[in-house]
């Protein structure tokens, strides 16, 4: 990362921060993109210009809960200091309550996405083993398995994007 005052520049696929890091600032994307991944490498989001990331840990006063990785063309972002976020939340208690509630919902949604992806892996594995053990081939079985495999392929693309540093939308 290169810092120029309150501007930070990351190269392609460079780690911006990792889950567990202490949070000192949020970032406003100016150019490029950032990908947000769960701790289990499920792609949760891709953010571009004029979008904010890293704010959750500041609003909730917690360590980072996700991994942030610069996009394939890099990332340029402006630091948004913790004090700025804190002053905003303190200046308007209703806005502060709204933002904290929204962040808790985001964290819960991320957790549920990962749980569903893991459960899908288990279900597809069970179906594959079950259908392989059957002596008969039925079109319904093939259709069910193919539909489940297609959903699993979509989830796997997100996971592969995490491990290879390439997201489908980029």
C-alpha atoms as a PDB file:
ATOM      1  CA  UNK A   1       0.000   0.000   0.000  1.00  0.00           C
ATOM      2  CA  UNK A   2       1.099   3.516  -0.762  1.00  0.00           C
ATOM      3  CA  UNK A   3      -0.137   6.345   1.486  1.00  0.00           C
ATOM      4  CA  UNK A   4      -0.364   9.950   0.330  1.00  0.00           C
ATOM      5  CA  UNK A   5      -1.923  11.891   3.185  1.00  0.00           C
ATOM      6  CA  UNK A   6      -5.425  10.502   3.658  1.00  0.00           C
ATOM      7  CA  UNK A   7      -5.330   8.666   0.292  1.00  0.00           C
ATOM      8  CA  UNK A   8      -4.315   4.984   0.164  1.00  0.00           C
ATOM      9  CA  UNK A   9      -3.412   3.085  -3.003  1.00  0.00           C
ATOM     10  CA  UNK A  10      -3.336  -0.717  -3.175  1.00  0.00           C
ATOM     11  CA  UNK A  11      -2.102  -2.789  -6.073  1.00  0.00           C
ATOM     12  CA  UNK A  12      -4.221  -5.483  -7.736  1.00  0.00           C
ATOM     13  CA  UNK A  13      -5.384  -8.192  -5.315  1.00  0.00           C
ATOM     14  CA  UNK A  14      -3.492  -6.629  -2.396  1.00  0.00           C
ATOM     15  CA  UNK A  15      -4.919  -7.226   1.084  1.00  0.00           C
ATOM     16  CA  UNK A  16      -6.429  -4.056   2.539  1.00  0.00           C
ATOM     17  CA  UNK A  17      -7.198  -5.610   5.937  1.00  0.00           C
ATOM     18  CA  UNK A  18      -7.941  -8.989   7.465  1.00  0.00           C
ATOM     19  CA  UNK A  19     -10.549 -10.254   9.897  1.00  0.00           C
ATOM     20  CA  UNK A  20      -9.286  -9.695  13.432  1.00  0.00           C
ATOM     21  CA  UNK A  21      -7.327  -6.531  12.599  1.00  0.00           C
ATOM     22  CA  UNK A  22      -7.861  -3.531  14.847  1.00  0.00           C
ATOM     23  CA  UNK A  23      -9.968  -0.922  13.094  1.00  0.00           C
ATOM     24  CA  UNK A  24      -8.663   2.641  12.890  1.00  0.00           C
ATOM     25  CA  UNK A  25     -10.519   3.969   9.852  1.00  0.00           C
ATOM     26  CA  UNK A  26     -13.073   3.229   7.178  1.00  0.00           C
ATOM     27  CA  UNK A  27     -12.416   3.840   3.484  1.00  0.00           C
ATOM     28  CA  UNK A  28     -14.268   5.643   0.721  1.00  0.00           C
ATOM     29  CA  UNK A  29     -13.493   4.080  -2.675  1.00  0.00           C
ATOM     30  CA  UNK A  30     -12.284   6.657  -5.190  1.00  0.00           C
ATOM     31  CA  UNK A  31     -11.033   4.400  -8.010  1.00  0.00           C
ATOM     32  CA  UNK A  32     -10.950   0.667  -8.605  1.00  0.00           C
ATOM     33  CA  UNK A  33     -12.770  -1.811  -6.427  1.00  0.00           C
ATOM     34  CA  UNK A  34     -12.548  -3.784  -3.206  1.00  0.00           C
ATOM     35  CA  UNK A  35     -13.858  -7.281  -2.581  1.00  0.00           C
ATOM     36  CA  UNK A  36     -15.167  -8.236   0.844  1.00  0.00           C
ATOM     37  CA  UNK A  37     -14.781 -11.874   1.922  1.00  0.00           C
ATOM     38  CA  UNK A  38     -15.943 -13.830   4.937  1.00  0.00           C
ATOM     39  CA  UNK A  39     -13.298 -15.473   7.109  1.00  0.00           C
ATOM     40  CA  UNK A  40     -14.111 -18.683   5.179  1.00  0.00           C
ATOM     41  CA  UNK A  41     -13.423 -16.947   1.824  1.00  0.00           C
ATOM     42  CA  UNK A  42     -16.997 -16.548   0.631  1.00  0.00           C
ATOM     43  CA  UNK A  43     -17.275 -13.417  -1.516  1.00  0.00           C
ATOM     44  CA  UNK A  44     -19.787 -11.204   0.275  1.00  0.00           C
ATOM     45  CA  UNK A  45     -19.625  -8.024  -1.748  1.00  0.00           C
ATOM     46  CA  UNK A  46     -17.753  -5.982  -4.331  1.00  0.00           C
ATOM     47  CA  UNK A  47     -17.638  -2.223  -3.874  1.00  0.00           C
ATOM     48  CA  UNK A  48     -16.634   0.487  -6.312  1.00  0.00           C
ATOM     49  CA  UNK A  49     -16.308   4.274  -6.506  1.00  0.00           C
ATOM     50  CA  UNK A  50     -18.194   6.385  -3.952  1.00  0.00           C
ATOM     51  CA  UNK A  51     -18.882   3.366  -1.728  1.00  0.00           C
ATOM     52  CA  UNK A  52     -17.750   3.049   1.884  1.00  0.00           C
ATOM     53  CA  UNK A  53     -16.228  -0.027   3.510  1.00  0.00           C
ATOM     54  CA  UNK A  54     -14.676  -0.814   6.875  1.00  0.00           C
ATOM     55  CA  UNK A  55     -17.283   1.214   8.720  1.00  0.00           C
ATOM     56  CA  UNK A  56     -18.892  -1.711  10.556  1.00  0.00           C
ATOM     57  CA  UNK A  57     -16.002  -2.248  12.951  1.00  0.00           C
ATOM     58  CA  UNK A  58     -15.854   1.491  13.668  1.00  0.00           C
ATOM     59  CA  UNK A  59     -19.581   1.845  14.307  1.00  0.00           C
ATOM     60  CA  UNK A  60     -19.653  -1.227  16.560  1.00  0.00           C
ATOM     61  CA  UNK A  61     -16.191  -0.544  18.075  1.00  0.00           C
ATOM     62  CA  UNK A  62     -14.961  -4.048  17.254  1.00  0.00           C
ATOM     63  CA  UNK A  63     -12.094  -5.669  15.346  1.00  0.00           C
ATOM     64  CA  UNK A  64     -12.506  -6.317  11.628  1.00  0.00           C
ATOM     65  CA  UNK A  65     -14.916  -9.200  10.971  1.00  0.00           C
ATOM     66  CA  UNK A  66     -14.183  -9.711   7.253  1.00  0.00           C
ATOM     67  CA  UNK A  67     -11.275  -9.624   4.818  1.00  0.00           C
ATOM     68  CA  UNK A  68     -10.962  -6.776   2.317  1.00  0.00           C
ATOM     69  CA  UNK A  69      -8.920  -7.275  -0.872  1.00  0.00           C
ATOM     70  CA  UNK A  70      -8.218  -4.737  -3.618  1.00  0.00           C
ATOM     71  CA  UNK A  71      -9.821  -5.508  -6.973  1.00  0.00           C
ATOM     72  CA  UNK A  72      -8.005  -6.861  -9.998  1.00  0.00           C
ATOM     73  CA  UNK A  73      -7.211  -3.327 -11.196  1.00  0.00           C
ATOM     74  CA  UNK A  74      -6.187  -2.060  -7.754  1.00  0.00           C
ATOM     75  CA  UNK A  75      -7.862   0.312  -5.343  1.00  0.00           C
ATOM     76  CA  UNK A  76      -7.568   3.968  -4.423  1.00  0.00           C
ATOM     77  CA  UNK A  77      -9.493   5.042  -1.319  1.00  0.00           C
ATOM     78  CA  UNK A  78      -9.741   7.956   1.065  1.00  0.00           C
ATOM     79  CA  UNK A  79      -9.372   7.232   4.788  1.00  0.00           C
ATOM     80  CA  UNK A  80     -12.389   8.087   6.908  1.00  0.00           C
ATOM     81  CA  UNK A  81     -11.058   8.453  10.474  1.00  0.00           C
ATOM     82  CA  UNK A  82     -12.670   6.710  13.429  1.00  0.00           C
ATOM     83  CA  UNK A  83     -13.198  10.127  15.048  1.00  0.00           C
ATOM     84  CA  UNK A  84     -15.246  11.308  12.048  1.00  0.00           C
ATOM     85  CA  UNK A  85     -17.569   8.300  12.322  1.00  0.00           C
ATOM     86  CA  UNK A  86     -17.768   8.665  16.109  1.00  0.00           C
ATOM     87  CA  UNK A  87     -18.601  12.382  15.893  1.00  0.00           C
ATOM     88  CA  UNK A  88     -21.318  11.680  13.347  1.00  0.00           C
ATOM     89  CA  UNK A  89     -22.886   8.975  15.532  1.00  0.00           C
ATOM     90  CA  UNK A  90     -22.718  11.167  18.646  1.00  0.00           C
ATOM     91  CA  UNK A  91     -24.141  14.225  16.876  1.00  0.00           C
ATOM     92  CA  UNK A  92     -27.310  12.363  15.896  1.00  0.00           C
ATOM     93  CA  UNK A  93     -28.324   9.555  18.313  1.00  0.00           C
ATOM     94  CA  UNK A  94     -31.118   8.380  16.015  1.00  0.00           C
ATOM     95  CA  UNK A  95     -28.727   8.070  13.082  1.00  0.00           C
ATOM     96  CA  UNK A  96     -26.258   6.272  15.363  1.00  0.00           C
ATOM     97  CA  UNK A  97     -28.907   3.762  16.471  1.00  0.00           C
ATOM     98  CA  UNK A  98     -30.006   3.243  12.869  1.00  0.00           C
ATOM     99  CA  UNK A  99     -26.450   2.602  11.662  1.00  0.00           C
ATOM    100  CA  UNK A 100     -25.619   0.231  14.528  1.00  0.00           C
ATOM    101  CA  UNK A 101     -28.794  -1.777  13.840  1.00  0.00           C
ATOM    102  CA  UNK A 102     -27.999  -1.896  10.107  1.00  0.00           C
ATOM    103  CA  UNK A 103     -24.464  -3.115  10.812  1.00  0.00           C
ATOM    104  CA  UNK A 104     -25.727  -5.882  13.107  1.00  0.00           C
ATOM    105  CA  UNK A 105     -28.089  -6.987  10.348  1.00  0.00           C
ATOM    106  CA  UNK A 106     -25.211  -6.987   7.845  1.00  0.00           C
ATOM    107  CA  UNK A 107     -23.079  -9.156  10.115  1.00  0.00           C
ATOM    108  CA  UNK A 108     -25.978 -11.566  10.611  1.00  0.00           C
ATOM    109  CA  UNK A 109     -26.592 -11.721   6.858  1.00  0.00           C
ATOM    110  CA  UNK A 110     -22.912 -12.486   6.207  1.00  0.00           C
ATOM    111  CA  UNK A 111     -22.984 -15.251   8.819  1.00  0.00           C
ATOM    112  CA  UNK A 112     -26.138 -16.743   7.310  1.00  0.00           C
ATOM    113  CA  UNK A 113     -24.639 -16.662   3.801  1.00  0.00           C
ATOM    114  CA  UNK A 114     -21.641 -18.656   4.970  1.00  0.00           C
ATOM    115  CA  UNK A 115     -23.804 -21.142   6.875  1.00  0.00           C
ATOM    116  CA  UNK A 116     -26.013 -21.662   3.821  1.00  0.00           C
ATOM    117  CA  UNK A 117     -23.004 -22.184   1.550  1.00  0.00           C
ATOM    118  CA  UNK A 118     -21.590 -24.793   3.929  1.00  0.00           C
ATOM    119  CA  UNK A 119     -24.955 -26.526   4.293  1.00  0.00           C
ATOM    120  CA  UNK A 120     -25.372 -26.625   0.515  1.00  0.00           C
ATOM    121  CA  UNK A 121     -22.005 -28.376   0.197  1.00  0.00           C
ATOM    122  CA  UNK A 122     -23.198 -31.042   2.638  1.00  0.00           C
ATOM    123  CA  UNK A 123     -26.583 -31.546   0.921  1.00  0.00           C
ATOM    124  CA  UNK A 124     -25.052 -31.870  -2.549  1.00  0.00           C
ATOM    125  CA  UNK A 125     -22.549 -34.401  -1.236  1.00  0.00           C
ATOM    126  CA  UNK A 126     -25.330 -36.453   0.348  1.00  0.00           C
ATOM    127  CA  UNK A 127     -27.403 -36.357  -2.838  1.00  0.00           C
ATOM    128  CA  UNK A 128     -24.453 -37.438  -4.959  1.00  0.00           C
ATOM    129  CA  UNK A 129     -23.737 -40.378  -2.652  1.00  0.00           C
ATOM    130  CA  UNK A 130     -27.410 -41.336  -2.414  1.00  0.00           C
ATOM    131  CA  UNK A 131     -28.046 -41.246  -6.165  1.00  0.00           C
ATOM    132  CA  UNK A 132     -24.800 -43.103  -6.867  1.00  0.00           C
ATOM    133  CA  UNK A 133     -25.921 -45.907  -4.525  1.00  0.00           C
ATOM    134  CA  UNK A 134     -29.239 -46.348  -6.365  1.00  0.00           C
ATOM    135  CA  UNK A 135     -29.273 -48.946  -9.094  1.00  0.00           C
ATOM    136  CA  UNK A 136     -31.833 -47.061 -11.158  1.00  0.00           C
ATOM    137  CA  UNK A 137     -31.448 -43.862 -13.109  1.00  0.00           C
ATOM    138  CA  UNK A 138     -34.503 -41.635 -12.984  1.00  0.00           C
ATOM    139  CA  UNK A 139     -34.913 -38.334 -14.767  1.00  0.00           C
ATOM    140  CA  UNK A 140     -36.180 -36.748 -11.542  1.00  0.00           C
ATOM    141  CA  UNK A 141     -32.989 -37.769  -9.758  1.00  0.00           C
ATOM    142  CA  UNK A 142     -30.836 -36.391 -12.530  1.00  0.00           C
ATOM    143  CA  UNK A 143     -32.844 -33.153 -12.601  1.00  0.00           C
ATOM    144  CA  UNK A 144     -32.627 -32.659  -8.819  1.00  0.00           C
ATOM    145  CA  UNK A 145     -28.925 -33.366  -8.738  1.00  0.00           C
ATOM    146  CA  UNK A 146     -28.199 -31.136 -11.744  1.00  0.00           C
ATOM    147  CA  UNK A 147     -30.144 -28.232 -10.224  1.00  0.00           C
ATOM    148  CA  UNK A 148     -28.346 -28.634  -6.889  1.00  0.00           C
ATOM    149  CA  UNK A 149     -24.994 -28.870  -8.660  1.00  0.00           C
ATOM    150  CA  UNK A 150     -25.726 -25.660 -10.574  1.00  0.00           C
ATOM    151  CA  UNK A 151     -26.447 -23.810  -7.316  1.00  0.00           C
ATOM    152  CA  UNK A 152     -23.274 -25.298  -5.826  1.00  0.00           C
ATOM    153  CA  UNK A 153     -21.244 -24.178  -8.878  1.00  0.00           C
ATOM    154  CA  UNK A 154     -22.474 -20.620  -8.363  1.00  0.00           C
ATOM    155  CA  UNK A 155     -21.449 -20.688  -4.703  1.00  0.00           C
ATOM    156  CA  UNK A 156     -18.104 -22.269  -5.604  1.00  0.00           C
ATOM    157  CA  UNK A 157     -17.406 -19.445  -8.082  1.00  0.00           C
ATOM    158  CA  UNK A 158     -17.617 -17.007  -5.184  1.00  0.00           C
ATOM    159  CA  UNK A 159     -15.311 -19.177  -3.088  1.00  0.00           C
ATOM    160  CA  UNK A 160     -12.849 -19.598  -5.978  1.00  0.00           C
ATOM    161  CA  UNK A 161     -12.914 -15.854  -6.559  1.00  0.00           C
ATOM    162  CA  UNK A 162     -11.775 -15.476  -2.968  1.00  0.00           C
ATOM    163  CA  UNK A 163      -8.902 -17.901  -3.234  1.00  0.00           C
ATOM    164  CA  UNK A 164      -7.734 -16.791  -6.677  1.00  0.00           C
ATOM    165  CA  UNK A 165      -8.267 -13.084  -6.089  1.00  0.00           C
ATOM    166  CA  UNK A 166     -10.658 -12.758  -9.043  1.00  0.00           C
ATOM    167  CA  UNK A 167     -14.329 -11.894  -8.665  1.00  0.00           C
ATOM    168  CA  UNK A 168     -16.891 -12.749 -11.311  1.00  0.00           C
ATOM    169  CA  UNK A 169     -18.027  -9.136 -11.754  1.00  0.00           C
ATOM    170  CA  UNK A 170     -14.576  -7.721 -12.449  1.00  0.00           C
END
